[in-house]
Amino acid sequence: MDLSRFKRVSLGHFPTPLERLENLTKRLGGPEIYIKRDDCTGLATGGNKTRKLEYLVADALDKGADTFVTQGATQSNHVRQTAAAARRFGMDCYALLERRVTNMGEDYERDGNVLLDDLFHCHYEFRPEGLDMNAEAQAFGEELKAKSKRPYIIPGGGSNPVGALGYVQCAEEIVAQAEEQGIKIDRIVHATGSAGTQAGLVAGLHSLKSQIEVVGISVRAAREAQIANVHRLACQTSDLIGDQTPPAVEQVIAYDGYVGPGYGQPTDEMVDAINTLASEEAILLDPVYSGKGMAGLIGLIRDGVLKKGENIVFLHTGGSAALFAYQHLFSRQQAA
């Protein structure tokens, strides 16, 4: 597998650390738990989208674009990092924000990631829930073309084969770090949403002929739909990197029992997971993605799915900026 033939810009701090969570491992009494710190990628508080954007921005520049158009939910980590990448390269960024969460108070559309969108001069408009948001972004791009702009459309989450290359590269990075540290990794667990992160990992590990399983904790879609989405993109990504045989659908593992009432809606397990990792390891998760991903990891340990004697890596996808849009769940002053 040779990724050097794909153009890539530098946006992040790589490799990100692979660390053992000693306190959490001791507390849960199950497998050895490690964390891949993709919250430390460095771009605009970091997160998993930075890896994808290194390839997407390079592709946009190669195509002569001067503007990014993308979409996401109101507290989108992807929009925040895309807007930051645009500033780095002197480009404009337009984002369509879907109102998937409407019950978190009036500050929800001002705090957290939205505040950072403002700081990065992102032009954003809100859309109601339920639209085909990628189609909305395409249509918006056509409007910009009519105004003599040269837009590059990035799908939600940066999740297309070009973006997924970032997690093909991450798969290589994790395998190399594990070998260097003398760790035999059994499974990687992470929050899965728009599918690009999991698809890239599956395609990358498949190409490396690694036996590491990738376990996605869905934050929105039902299990069957999430598996289908990830598998489709993993196959497209495998084709892009030149693999002769695509990953089997059995290589895509997803759990949907930690979504709760819906995307971005709090659960007791998520709140407990965020509090646990903050108090045990001084690591911040986010309420929409990594918090539910960690809730899934803890739940699977308690259910005996992840067992003592295994080495589990939790891939931290970032997003702690969104905590400020959910502060009523965590602030002791507000609770009092």
C-alpha atoms as a PDB file:
ATOM      1  CA  MET A   1       0.000   0.000   0.000  1.00  0.00           C
ATOM      2  CA  ASP A   2       1.633   3.228  -1.183  1.00  0.00           C
ATOM      3  CA  LEU A   3      -0.182   6.468  -0.375  1.00  0.00           C
ATOM      4  CA  SER A   4       2.644   8.704  -1.606  1.00  0.00           C
ATOM      5  CA  ARG A   5       1.031   8.954  -5.055  1.00  0.00           C
ATOM      6  CA  PHE A   6      -1.899  10.873  -3.529  1.00  0.00           C
ATOM      7  CA  LYS A   7      -1.443  14.613  -3.043  1.00  0.00           C
ATOM      8  CA  ARG A   8      -1.605  15.759   0.553  1.00  0.00           C
ATOM      9  CA  VAL A   9      -1.145  19.058   2.373  1.00  0.00           C
ATOM     10  CA  SER A  10       0.132  19.465   5.917  1.00  0.00           C
ATOM     11  CA  LEU A  11      -2.527  20.491   8.439  1.00  0.00           C
ATOM     12  CA  GLY A  12      -1.978  18.311  11.492  1.00  0.00           C
ATOM     13  CA  HIS A  13       0.564  17.103  14.031  1.00  0.00           C
ATOM     14  CA  PHE A  14       1.358  13.502  13.191  1.00  0.00           C
ATOM     15  CA  PRO A  15       1.816  10.861  14.377  1.00  0.00           C
ATOM     16  CA  THR A  16      -0.661  11.404  17.182  1.00  0.00           C
ATOM     17  CA  PRO A  17       0.155   9.607  20.449  1.00  0.00           C
ATOM     18  CA  LEU A  18      -0.882   6.032  21.205  1.00  0.00           C
ATOM     19  CA  GLU A  19      -1.075   5.820  24.997  1.00  0.00           C
ATOM     20  CA  ARG A  20      -2.168   3.335  27.644  1.00  0.00           C
ATOM     21  CA  LEU A  21      -5.089   4.415  29.835  1.00  0.00           C
ATOM     22  CA  GLU A  22      -3.805   2.969  33.086  1.00  0.00           C
ATOM     23  CA  ASN A  23      -6.433   4.417  35.401  1.00  0.00           C
ATOM     24  CA  LEU A  24      -9.393   3.517  33.179  1.00  0.00           C
ATOM     25  CA  THR A  25      -8.022   0.006  32.616  1.00  0.00           C
ATOM     26  CA  LYS A  26      -7.743  -0.498  36.373  1.00  0.00           C
ATOM     27  CA  ARG A  27     -11.181   0.956  37.059  1.00  0.00           C
ATOM     28  CA  LEU A  28     -13.019  -1.226  34.527  1.00  0.00           C
ATOM     29  CA  GLY A  29     -11.069  -4.403  35.303  1.00  0.00           C
ATOM     30  CA  GLY A  30     -11.332  -5.764  31.753  1.00  0.00           C
ATOM     31  CA  PRO A  31      -9.046  -5.522  28.731  1.00  0.00           C
ATOM     32  CA  GLU A  32      -5.980  -3.323  28.483  1.00  0.00           C
ATOM     33  CA  ILE A  33      -7.214   0.017  27.119  1.00  0.00           C
ATOM     34  CA  TYR A  34      -5.143   2.313  24.945  1.00  0.00           C
ATOM     35  CA  ILE A  35      -6.124   5.582  23.302  1.00  0.00           C
ATOM     36  CA  LYS A  36      -5.176   6.951  19.884  1.00  0.00           C
ATOM     37  CA  ARG A  37      -5.126  10.713  20.450  1.00  0.00           C
ATOM     38  CA  ASP A  38      -6.608  12.061  17.237  1.00  0.00           C
ATOM     39  CA  ASP A  39      -8.037  14.835  19.385  1.00  0.00           C
ATOM     40  CA  CYS A  40      -4.431  16.099  19.266  1.00  0.00           C
ATOM     41  CA  THR A  41      -4.160  16.614  15.502  1.00  0.00           C
ATOM     42  CA  GLY A  42      -3.739  20.330  16.202  1.00  0.00           C
ATOM     43  CA  LEU A  43      -6.030  22.017  13.688  1.00  0.00           C
ATOM     44  CA  ALA A  44      -8.579  24.228  15.479  1.00  0.00           C
ATOM     45  CA  THR A  45      -8.564  22.111  18.677  1.00  0.00           C
ATOM     46  CA  GLY A  46      -7.941  18.936  16.649  1.00  0.00           C
ATOM     47  CA  GLY A  47     -10.062  15.967  15.671  1.00  0.00           C
ATOM     48  CA  ASN A  48     -10.350  13.200  13.126  1.00  0.00           C
ATOM     49  CA  LYS A  49     -11.383  15.420  10.207  1.00  0.00           C
ATOM     50  CA  THR A  50      -7.877  16.899   9.999  1.00  0.00           C
ATOM     51  CA  ARG A  51      -6.530  13.692   8.464  1.00  0.00           C
ATOM     52  CA  LYS A  52      -9.266  13.680   5.842  1.00  0.00           C
ATOM     53  CA  LEU A  53      -8.798  17.355   5.066  1.00  0.00           C
ATOM     54  CA  GLU A  54      -5.112  16.899   4.288  1.00  0.00           C
ATOM     55  CA  TYR A  55      -6.156  14.903   1.217  1.00  0.00           C
ATOM     56  CA  LEU A  56      -9.333  16.854   0.440  1.00  0.00           C
ATOM     57  CA  VAL A  57      -7.612  20.250   0.518  1.00  0.00           C
ATOM     58  CA  ALA A  58      -4.827  18.940  -1.719  1.00  0.00           C
ATOM     59  CA  ASP A  59      -7.426  17.681  -4.184  1.00  0.00           C
ATOM     60  CA  ALA A  60      -9.249  21.021  -4.083  1.00  0.00           C
ATOM     61  CA  LEU A  61      -6.064  22.979  -4.764  1.00  0.00           C
ATOM     62  CA  ASP A  62      -5.169  20.608  -7.578  1.00  0.00           C
ATOM     63  CA  LYS A  63      -8.555  21.337  -9.158  1.00  0.00           C
ATOM     64  CA  GLY A  64      -8.083  25.112  -8.869  1.00  0.00           C
ATOM     65  CA  ALA A  65     -10.767  25.703  -6.237  1.00  0.00           C
ATOM     66  CA  ASP A  66     -10.929  28.935  -4.230  1.00  0.00           C
ATOM     67  CA  THR A  67     -13.866  28.022  -1.965  1.00  0.00           C
ATOM     68  CA  PHE A  68     -15.002  25.101   0.152  1.00  0.00           C
ATOM     69  CA  VAL A  69     -18.668  24.194   0.448  1.00  0.00           C
ATOM     70  CA  THR A  70     -19.628  21.602   3.037  1.00  0.00           C
ATOM     71  CA  GLN A  71     -22.383  20.634   5.446  1.00  0.00           C
ATOM     72  CA  GLY A  72     -22.933  19.205   8.883  1.00  0.00           C
ATOM     73  CA  ALA A  73     -25.055  19.415  11.997  1.00  0.00           C
ATOM     74  CA  THR A  74     -25.114  22.631  14.029  1.00  0.00           C
ATOM     75  CA  GLN A  75     -22.246  21.566  16.309  1.00  0.00           C
ATOM     76  CA  SER A  76     -20.271  19.989  13.460  1.00  0.00           C
ATOM     77  CA  ASN A  77     -16.630  19.208  14.225  1.00  0.00           C
ATOM     78  CA  HIS A  78     -16.103  18.736  10.498  1.00  0.00           C
ATOM     79  CA  VAL A  79     -17.351  22.227   9.615  1.00  0.00           C
ATOM     80  CA  ARG A  80     -15.111  23.783  12.281  1.00  0.00           C
ATOM     81  CA  GLN A  81     -11.994  22.028  10.959  1.00  0.00           C
ATOM     82  CA  THR A  82     -12.900  22.685   7.315  1.00  0.00           C
ATOM     83  CA  ALA A  83     -13.310  26.388   8.059  1.00  0.00           C
ATOM     84  CA  ALA A  84      -9.919  26.392   9.785  1.00  0.00           C
ATOM     85  CA  ALA A  85      -8.287  24.619   6.839  1.00  0.00           C
ATOM     86  CA  ALA A  86      -9.777  27.239   4.532  1.00  0.00           C
ATOM     87  CA  ARG A  87      -8.150  30.021   6.552  1.00  0.00           C
ATOM     88  CA  ARG A  88      -4.786  28.250   6.383  1.00  0.00           C
ATOM     89  CA  PHE A  89      -4.912  28.255   2.592  1.00  0.00           C
ATOM     90  CA  GLY A  90      -6.575  31.624   2.039  1.00  0.00           C
ATOM     91  CA  MET A  91      -9.844  30.130   0.819  1.00  0.00           C
ATOM     92  CA  ASP A  92     -13.460  30.915   1.609  1.00  0.00           C
ATOM     93  CA  CYS A  93     -15.647  28.375   3.399  1.00  0.00           C
ATOM     94  CA  TYR A  94     -19.430  28.103   3.155  1.00  0.00           C
ATOM     95  CA  ALA A  95     -21.279  25.638   5.369  1.00  0.00           C
ATOM     96  CA  LEU A  96     -24.876  24.514   5.610  1.00  0.00           C
ATOM     97  CA  LEU A  97     -25.746  23.603   9.207  1.00  0.00           C
ATOM     98  CA  GLU A  98     -28.591  21.136   9.705  1.00  0.00           C
ATOM     99  CA  ARG A  99     -30.749  21.711  12.766  1.00  0.00           C
ATOM    100  CA  ARG A 100     -30.705  18.062  13.902  1.00  0.00           C
ATOM    101  CA  VAL A 101     -30.745  19.123  17.552  1.00  0.00           C
ATOM    102  CA  THR A 102     -33.388  21.680  18.536  1.00  0.00           C
ATOM    103  CA  ASN A 103     -33.907  21.128  22.272  1.00  0.00           C
ATOM    104  CA  MET A 104     -30.601  22.297  23.771  1.00  0.00           C
ATOM    105  CA  GLY A 105     -31.500  25.941  24.316  1.00  0.00           C
ATOM    106  CA  GLU A 106     -30.916  29.154  22.425  1.00  0.00           C
ATOM    107  CA  ASP A 107     -27.146  29.192  23.040  1.00  0.00           C
ATOM    108  CA  TYR A 108     -26.707  25.912  21.143  1.00  0.00           C
ATOM    109  CA  GLU A 109     -26.455  27.783  17.848  1.00  0.00           C
ATOM    110  CA  ARG A 110     -23.884  30.245  19.217  1.00  0.00           C
ATOM    111  CA  ASP A 111     -21.557  28.307  21.533  1.00  0.00           C
ATOM    112  CA  GLY A 112     -19.015  25.549  21.005  1.00  0.00           C
ATOM    113  CA  ASN A 113     -18.146  24.784  17.414  1.00  0.00           C
ATOM    114  CA  VAL A 114     -20.400  27.569  16.082  1.00  0.00           C
ATOM    115  CA  LEU A 115     -18.353  30.158  17.964  1.00  0.00           C
ATOM    116  CA  LEU A 116     -15.215  28.754  16.352  1.00  0.00           C
ATOM    117  CA  ASP A 117     -16.908  28.805  12.930  1.00  0.00           C
ATOM    118  CA  ASP A 118     -17.403  32.536  13.514  1.00  0.00           C
ATOM    119  CA  LEU A 119     -13.759  33.031  14.467  1.00  0.00           C
ATOM    120  CA  PHE A 120     -12.665  31.301  11.252  1.00  0.00           C
ATOM    121  CA  HIS A 121     -14.947  33.566   9.169  1.00  0.00           C
ATOM    122  CA  CYS A 122     -17.041  30.654   7.968  1.00  0.00           C
ATOM    123  CA  HIS A 123     -20.161  31.698   6.040  1.00  0.00           C
ATOM    124  CA  TYR A 124     -22.929  29.442   7.332  1.00  0.00           C
ATOM    125  CA  GLU A 125     -26.655  29.080   6.864  1.00  0.00           C
ATOM    126  CA  PHE A 126     -29.049  26.879   8.813  1.00  0.00           C
ATOM    127  CA  ARG A 127     -31.255  24.239   7.244  1.00  0.00           C
ATOM    128  CA  PRO A 128     -34.133  22.231   8.781  1.00  0.00           C
ATOM    129  CA  GLU A 129     -33.613  18.588   9.669  1.00  0.00           C
ATOM    130  CA  GLY A 130     -34.417  15.915   7.126  1.00  0.00           C
ATOM    131  CA  LEU A 131     -33.070  17.398   3.908  1.00  0.00           C
ATOM    132  CA  ASP A 132     -30.526  15.643   1.678  1.00  0.00           C
ATOM    133  CA  MET A 133     -27.725  17.830   2.965  1.00  0.00           C
ATOM    134  CA  ASN A 134     -25.106  16.716   0.439  1.00  0.00           C
ATOM    135  CA  ALA A 135     -27.553  17.602  -2.338  1.00  0.00           C
ATOM    136  CA  GLU A 136     -28.156  20.956  -0.651  1.00  0.00           C
ATOM    137  CA  ALA A 137     -24.404  21.589  -0.632  1.00  0.00           C
ATOM    138  CA  GLN A 138     -24.128  20.668  -4.316  1.00  0.00           C
ATOM    139  CA  ALA A 139     -26.925  23.100  -5.181  1.00  0.00           C
ATOM    140  CA  PHE A 140     -25.295  25.816  -3.109  1.00  0.00           C
ATOM    141  CA  GLY A 141     -22.051  25.208  -4.981  1.00  0.00           C
ATOM    142  CA  GLU A 142     -23.842  25.782  -8.270  1.00  0.00           C
ATOM    143  CA  GLU A 143     -25.089  29.118  -6.952  1.00  0.00           C
ATOM    144  CA  LEU A 144     -21.514  30.113  -6.125  1.00  0.00           C
ATOM    145  CA  LYS A 145     -20.341  29.099  -9.598  1.00  0.00           C
ATOM    146  CA  ALA A 146     -22.874  31.522 -11.026  1.00  0.00           C
ATOM    147  CA  LYS A 147     -21.123  34.209  -8.945  1.00  0.00           C
ATOM    148  CA  SER A 148     -17.729  33.319 -10.493  1.00  0.00           C
ATOM    149  CA  LYS A 149     -16.498  31.333  -7.493  1.00  0.00           C
ATOM    150  CA  ARG A 150     -14.650  28.029  -7.931  1.00  0.00           C
ATOM    151  CA  PRO A 151     -16.191  25.817  -5.232  1.00  0.00           C
ATOM    152  CA  TYR A 152     -14.985  22.426  -4.085  1.00  0.00           C
ATOM    153  CA  ILE A 153     -17.796  20.408  -2.490  1.00  0.00           C
ATOM    154  CA  ILE A 154     -16.840  18.375   0.572  1.00  0.00           C
ATOM    155  CA  PRO A 155     -19.498  15.900   1.744  1.00  0.00           C
ATOM    156  CA  GLY A 156     -20.561  15.758   5.379  1.00  0.00           C
ATOM    157  CA  GLY A 157     -17.733  14.535   7.579  1.00  0.00           C
ATOM    158  CA  GLY A 158     -15.321  14.656   4.647  1.00  0.00           C
ATOM    159  CA  SER A 159     -16.518  11.120   4.045  1.00  0.00           C
ATOM    160  CA  ASN A 160     -15.712  10.138   0.480  1.00  0.00           C
ATOM    161  CA  PRO A 161     -12.861   7.958  -0.837  1.00  0.00           C
ATOM    162  CA  VAL A 162     -10.418  10.883  -0.978  1.00  0.00           C
ATOM    163  CA  GLY A 163     -11.194  11.888   2.600  1.00  0.00           C
ATOM    164  CA  ALA A 164     -11.074   8.283   3.814  1.00  0.00           C
ATOM    165  CA  LEU A 165      -7.430   8.138   2.697  1.00  0.00           C
ATOM    166  CA  GLY A 166      -6.686   9.967   5.933  1.00  0.00           C
ATOM    167  CA  TYR A 167      -7.731   6.898   7.901  1.00  0.00           C
ATOM    168  CA  VAL A 168      -6.012   4.483   5.576  1.00  0.00           C
ATOM    169  CA  GLN A 169      -2.907   6.425   6.570  1.00  0.00           C
ATOM    170  CA  CYS A 170      -3.973   6.291  10.232  1.00  0.00           C
ATOM    171  CA  ALA A 171      -4.267   2.496  10.016  1.00  0.00           C
ATOM    172  CA  GLU A 172      -0.638   2.369   8.891  1.00  0.00           C
ATOM    173  CA  GLU A 173       0.311   4.717  11.722  1.00  0.00           C
ATOM    174  CA  ILE A 174      -1.434   2.642  14.394  1.00  0.00           C
ATOM    175  CA  VAL A 175       0.115  -0.614  13.168  1.00  0.00           C
ATOM    176  CA  ALA A 176       3.593   0.954  13.137  1.00  0.00           C
ATOM    177  CA  GLN A 177       3.149   2.403  16.653  1.00  0.00           C
ATOM    178  CA  ALA A 178       1.890  -0.907  18.002  1.00  0.00           C
ATOM    179  CA  GLU A 179       4.910  -2.717  16.589  1.00  0.00           C
ATOM    180  CA  GLU A 180       7.245  -0.085  18.038  1.00  0.00           C
ATOM    181  CA  GLN A 181       5.618  -0.373  21.482  1.00  0.00           C
ATOM    182  CA  GLY A 182       5.349  -4.164  21.370  1.00  0.00           C
ATOM    183  CA  ILE A 183       1.543  -4.183  21.553  1.00  0.00           C
ATOM    184  CA  LYS A 184      -0.681  -6.728  19.822  1.00  0.00           C
ATOM    185  CA  ILE A 185      -3.882  -4.781  19.207  1.00  0.00           C
ATOM    186  CA  ASP A 186      -7.056  -6.841  19.079  1.00  0.00           C
ATOM    187  CA  ARG A 187      -9.654  -4.158  18.309  1.00  0.00           C
ATOM    188  CA  ILE A 188     -10.043  -0.468  17.599  1.00  0.00           C
ATOM    189  CA  VAL A 189     -13.230   1.116  18.989  1.00  0.00           C
ATOM    190  CA  HIS A 190     -14.523   4.526  17.939  1.00  0.00           C
ATOM    191  CA  ALA A 191     -17.619   6.613  17.291  1.00  0.00           C
ATOM    192  CA  THR A 192     -18.913   6.132  13.739  1.00  0.00           C
ATOM    193  CA  GLY A 193     -21.162   8.620  11.973  1.00  0.00           C
ATOM    194  CA  SER A 194     -20.605   9.735   8.380  1.00  0.00           C
ATOM    195  CA  ALA A 195     -18.584   6.518   7.826  1.00  0.00           C
ATOM    196  CA  GLY A 196     -15.285   7.916   6.522  1.00  0.00           C
ATOM    197  CA  THR A 197     -13.167   7.197   9.586  1.00  0.00           C
ATOM    198  CA  GLN A 198     -14.308   3.594   9.966  1.00  0.00           C
ATOM    199  CA  ALA A 199     -14.221   2.962   6.213  1.00  0.00           C
ATOM    200  CA  GLY A 200     -10.660   4.255   5.961  1.00  0.00           C
ATOM    201  CA  LEU A 201      -9.515   2.113   8.887  1.00  0.00           C
ATOM    202  CA  VAL A 202     -11.213  -0.995   7.469  1.00  0.00           C
ATOM    203  CA  ALA A 203      -9.723  -0.424   4.011  1.00  0.00           C
ATOM    204  CA  GLY A 204      -6.288   0.333   5.421  1.00  0.00           C
ATOM    205  CA  LEU A 205      -6.119  -2.643   7.771  1.00  0.00           C
ATOM    206  CA  HIS A 206      -7.495  -4.895   5.015  1.00  0.00           C
ATOM    207  CA  SER A 207      -4.748  -3.734   2.668  1.00  0.00           C
ATOM    208  CA  LEU A 208      -2.142  -4.364   5.374  1.00  0.00           C
ATOM    209  CA  LYS A 209      -3.616  -7.846   5.945  1.00  0.00           C
ATOM    210  CA  SER A 210      -3.991  -6.964   9.615  1.00  0.00           C
ATOM    211  CA  GLN A 211      -6.278  -8.982  11.868  1.00  0.00           C
ATOM    212  CA  ILE A 212      -7.250  -5.952  13.977  1.00  0.00           C
ATOM    213  CA  GLU A 213     -11.026  -5.548  14.185  1.00  0.00           C
ATOM    214  CA  VAL A 214     -12.616  -2.116  13.845  1.00  0.00           C
ATOM    215  CA  VAL A 215     -15.677  -1.627  16.054  1.00  0.00           C
ATOM    216  CA  GLY A 216     -17.866   1.371  15.313  1.00  0.00           C
ATOM    217  CA  ILE A 217     -20.238   2.792  17.916  1.00  0.00           C
ATOM    218  CA  SER A 218     -22.973   4.428  15.865  1.00  0.00           C
ATOM    219  CA  VAL A 219     -24.025   7.942  16.836  1.00  0.00           C
ATOM    220  CA  ARG A 220     -26.983   8.164  14.478  1.00  0.00           C
ATOM    221  CA  ALA A 221     -27.865   5.333  12.083  1.00  0.00           C
ATOM    222  CA  ALA A 222     -29.281   1.892  12.863  1.00  0.00           C
ATOM    223  CA  ARG A 223     -26.770  -0.943  12.825  1.00  0.00           C
ATOM    224  CA  GLU A 224     -27.668  -2.401   9.416  1.00  0.00           C
ATOM    225  CA  ALA A 225     -27.649   0.994   7.711  1.00  0.00           C
ATOM    226  CA  GLN A 226     -24.342   1.975   9.322  1.00  0.00           C
ATOM    227  CA  ILE A 227     -22.682  -1.269   8.280  1.00  0.00           C
ATOM    228  CA  ALA A 228     -23.916  -0.802   4.712  1.00  0.00           C
ATOM    229  CA  ASN A 229     -22.675   2.808   4.584  1.00  0.00           C
ATOM    230  CA  VAL A 230     -19.259   1.935   5.970  1.00  0.00           C
ATOM    231  CA  HIS A 231     -18.825  -1.137   3.782  1.00  0.00           C
ATOM    232  CA  ARG A 232     -19.745   0.758   0.622  1.00  0.00           C
ATOM    233  CA  LEU A 233     -17.210   3.490   1.326  1.00  0.00           C
ATOM    234  CA  ALA A 234     -14.556   1.001   2.456  1.00  0.00           C
ATOM    235  CA  CYS A 235     -14.879  -0.810  -0.883  1.00  0.00           C
ATOM    236  CA  GLN A 236     -14.636   2.481  -2.806  1.00  0.00           C
ATOM    237  CA  THR A 237     -11.566   3.442  -0.794  1.00  0.00           C
ATOM    238  CA  SER A 238      -9.976   0.034  -1.356  1.00  0.00           C
ATOM    239  CA  ASP A 239     -10.498   0.495  -5.071  1.00  0.00           C
ATOM    240  CA  LEU A 240      -8.916   3.956  -4.929  1.00  0.00           C
ATOM    241  CA  ILE A 241      -5.745   2.658  -3.265  1.00  0.00           C
ATOM    242  CA  GLY A 242      -5.526  -0.180  -5.784  1.00  0.00           C
ATOM    243  CA  ASP A 243      -6.542  -3.229  -3.743  1.00  0.00           C
ATOM    244  CA  GLN A 244      -7.593  -6.103  -5.953  1.00  0.00           C
ATOM    245  CA  THR A 245     -10.057  -7.533  -3.438  1.00  0.00           C
ATOM    246  CA  PRO A 246     -12.428  -5.337  -1.403  1.00  0.00           C
ATOM    247  CA  PRO A 247     -13.074  -5.825   2.321  1.00  0.00           C
ATOM    248  CA  ALA A 248     -15.843  -8.269   3.167  1.00  0.00           C
ATOM    249  CA  VAL A 249     -18.955  -6.901   4.810  1.00  0.00           C
ATOM    250  CA  GLU A 250     -18.122  -9.108   7.825  1.00  0.00           C
ATOM    251  CA  GLN A 251     -15.120  -6.837   8.444  1.00  0.00           C
ATOM    252  CA  VAL A 252     -17.481  -3.978   9.318  1.00  0.00           C
ATOM    253  CA  ILE A 253     -18.720  -4.141  12.913  1.00  0.00           C
ATOM    254  CA  ALA A 254     -21.156  -1.611  14.344  1.00  0.00           C
ATOM    255  CA  TYR A 255     -23.283  -1.270  17.460  1.00  0.00           C
ATOM    256  CA  ASP A 256     -26.295   1.033  17.600  1.00  0.00           C
ATOM    257  CA  GLY A 257     -27.282   0.582  21.249  1.00  0.00           C
ATOM    258  CA  TYR A 258     -25.640   3.803  22.416  1.00  0.00           C
ATOM    259  CA  VAL A 259     -27.383   6.360  20.177  1.00  0.00           C
ATOM    260  CA  GLY A 260     -30.102   7.022  22.740  1.00  0.00           C
ATOM    261  CA  PRO A 261     -33.031   9.239  21.674  1.00  0.00           C
ATOM    262  CA  GLY A 262     -31.167  10.386  18.560  1.00  0.00           C
ATOM    263  CA  TYR A 263     -28.190  12.189  17.067  1.00  0.00           C
ATOM    264  CA  GLY A 264     -26.742  14.722  19.485  1.00  0.00           C
ATOM    265  CA  GLN A 265     -29.250  13.792  22.194  1.00  0.00           C
ATOM    266  CA  PRO A 266     -27.714  13.165  25.621  1.00  0.00           C
ATOM    267  CA  THR A 267     -27.707   9.789  27.318  1.00  0.00           C
ATOM    268  CA  ASP A 268     -26.817   8.922  30.885  1.00  0.00           C
ATOM    269  CA  GLU A 269     -24.118   6.567  29.572  1.00  0.00           C
ATOM    270  CA  MET A 270     -22.523   9.374  27.530  1.00  0.00           C
ATOM    271  CA  VAL A 271     -22.489  11.786  30.468  1.00  0.00           C
ATOM    272  CA  ASP A 272     -20.991   9.090  32.691  1.00  0.00           C
ATOM    273  CA  ALA A 273     -18.344   8.234  30.081  1.00  0.00           C
ATOM    274  CA  ILE A 274     -17.261  11.864  29.711  1.00  0.00           C
ATOM    275  CA  ASN A 275     -17.101  12.345  33.480  1.00  0.00           C
ATOM    276  CA  THR A 276     -15.214   9.070  33.897  1.00  0.00           C
ATOM    277  CA  LEU A 277     -12.499   9.827  31.346  1.00  0.00           C
ATOM    278  CA  ALA A 278     -12.098  13.392  32.623  1.00  0.00           C
ATOM    279  CA  SER A 279     -11.741  12.273  36.232  1.00  0.00           C
ATOM    280  CA  GLU A 280      -9.618   9.176  35.590  1.00  0.00           C
ATOM    281  CA  GLU A 281      -7.368  10.340  32.738  1.00  0.00           C
ATOM    282  CA  ALA A 282      -7.851  14.142  32.392  1.00  0.00           C
ATOM    283  CA  ILE A 283      -8.968  13.621  28.782  1.00  0.00           C
ATOM    284  CA  LEU A 284     -11.949  15.501  27.352  1.00  0.00           C
ATOM    285  CA  LEU A 285     -14.512  13.803  25.120  1.00  0.00           C
ATOM    286  CA  ASP A 286     -17.477  15.366  23.322  1.00  0.00           C
ATOM    287  CA  PRO A 287     -21.213  14.762  23.838  1.00  0.00           C
ATOM    288  CA  VAL A 288     -22.101  13.900  20.236  1.00  0.00           C
ATOM    289  CA  TYR A 289     -19.369  11.502  19.052  1.00  0.00           C
ATOM    290  CA  SER A 290     -16.475  10.473  21.280  1.00  0.00           C
ATOM    291  CA  GLY A 291     -18.589  10.521  24.443  1.00  0.00           C
ATOM    292  CA  LYS A 292     -21.000   7.993  22.960  1.00  0.00           C
ATOM    293  CA  GLY A 293     -18.057   6.063  21.505  1.00  0.00           C
ATOM    294  CA  MET A 294     -16.529   5.739  24.978  1.00  0.00           C
ATOM    295  CA  ALA A 295     -19.941   4.848  26.422  1.00  0.00           C
ATOM    296  CA  GLY A 296     -20.007   2.016  23.896  1.00  0.00           C
ATOM    297  CA  LEU A 297     -16.528   0.831  24.837  1.00  0.00           C
ATOM    298  CA  ILE A 298     -17.419   0.806  28.543  1.00  0.00           C
ATOM    299  CA  GLY A 299     -20.718  -0.940  27.829  1.00  0.00           C
ATOM    300  CA  LEU A 300     -19.073  -3.631  25.709  1.00  0.00           C
ATOM    301  CA  ILE A 301     -16.569  -4.303  28.476  1.00  0.00           C
ATOM    302  CA  ARG A 302     -19.342  -4.630  31.060  1.00  0.00           C
ATOM    303  CA  ASP A 303     -21.277  -6.921  28.703  1.00  0.00           C
ATOM    304  CA  GLY A 304     -18.223  -9.161  28.245  1.00  0.00           C
ATOM    305  CA  VAL A 305     -17.829  -8.452  24.521  1.00  0.00           C
ATOM    306  CA  LEU A 306     -14.429  -6.840  25.112  1.00  0.00           C
ATOM    307  CA  LYS A 307     -12.591  -9.225  27.405  1.00  0.00           C
ATOM    308  CA  LYS A 308      -9.743  -9.290  29.865  1.00  0.00           C
ATOM    309  CA  GLY A 309      -6.532 -10.249  28.086  1.00  0.00           C
ATOM    310  CA  GLU A 310      -7.353  -8.213  24.968  1.00  0.00           C
ATOM    311  CA  ASN A 311      -5.696  -4.953  23.948  1.00  0.00           C
ATOM    312  CA  ILE A 312      -8.268  -2.386  22.891  1.00  0.00           C
ATOM    313  CA  VAL A 313      -7.505   0.971  21.277  1.00  0.00           C
ATOM    314  CA  PHE A 314     -10.062   3.742  21.628  1.00  0.00           C
ATOM    315  CA  LEU A 315      -9.711   6.141  18.706  1.00  0.00           C
ATOM    316  CA  HIS A 316     -10.445   9.617  20.092  1.00  0.00           C
ATOM    317  CA  THR A 317     -12.047  11.570  17.242  1.00  0.00           C
ATOM    318  CA  GLY A 318     -11.922  14.920  19.078  1.00  0.00           C
ATOM    319  CA  GLY A 319     -14.759  17.409  19.413  1.00  0.00           C
ATOM    320  CA  SER A 320     -14.367  18.719  22.968  1.00  0.00           C
ATOM    321  CA  ALA A 321     -15.354  22.212  21.763  1.00  0.00           C
ATOM    322  CA  ALA A 322     -18.948  20.942  21.653  1.00  0.00           C
ATOM    323  CA  LEU A 323     -18.898  20.510  25.453  1.00  0.00           C
ATOM    324  CA  PHE A 324     -19.630  24.226  25.756  1.00  0.00           C
ATOM    325  CA  ALA A 325     -22.909  23.769  23.890  1.00  0.00           C
ATOM    326  CA  TYR A 326     -23.915  21.069  26.424  1.00  0.00           C
ATOM    327  CA  GLN A 327     -22.569  22.700  29.558  1.00  0.00           C
ATOM    328  CA  HIS A 328     -25.848  22.238  31.432  1.00  0.00           C
ATOM    329  CA  LEU A 329     -25.035  18.521  31.579  1.00  0.00           C
ATOM    330  CA  PHE A 330     -21.645  18.996  33.226  1.00  0.00           C
ATOM    331  CA  SER A 331     -21.508  22.331  35.066  1.00  0.00           C
ATOM    332  CA  ARG A 332     -21.743  21.861  38.831  1.00  0.00           C
ATOM    333  CA  GLN A 333     -22.655  25.525  39.211  1.00  0.00           C
ATOM    334  CA  GLN A 334     -25.654  25.147  36.866  1.00  0.00           C
ATOM    335  CA  ALA A 335     -26.684  21.901  38.531  1.00  0.00           C
ATOM    336  CA  ALA A 336     -26.609  23.627  41.913  1.00  0.00           C
END
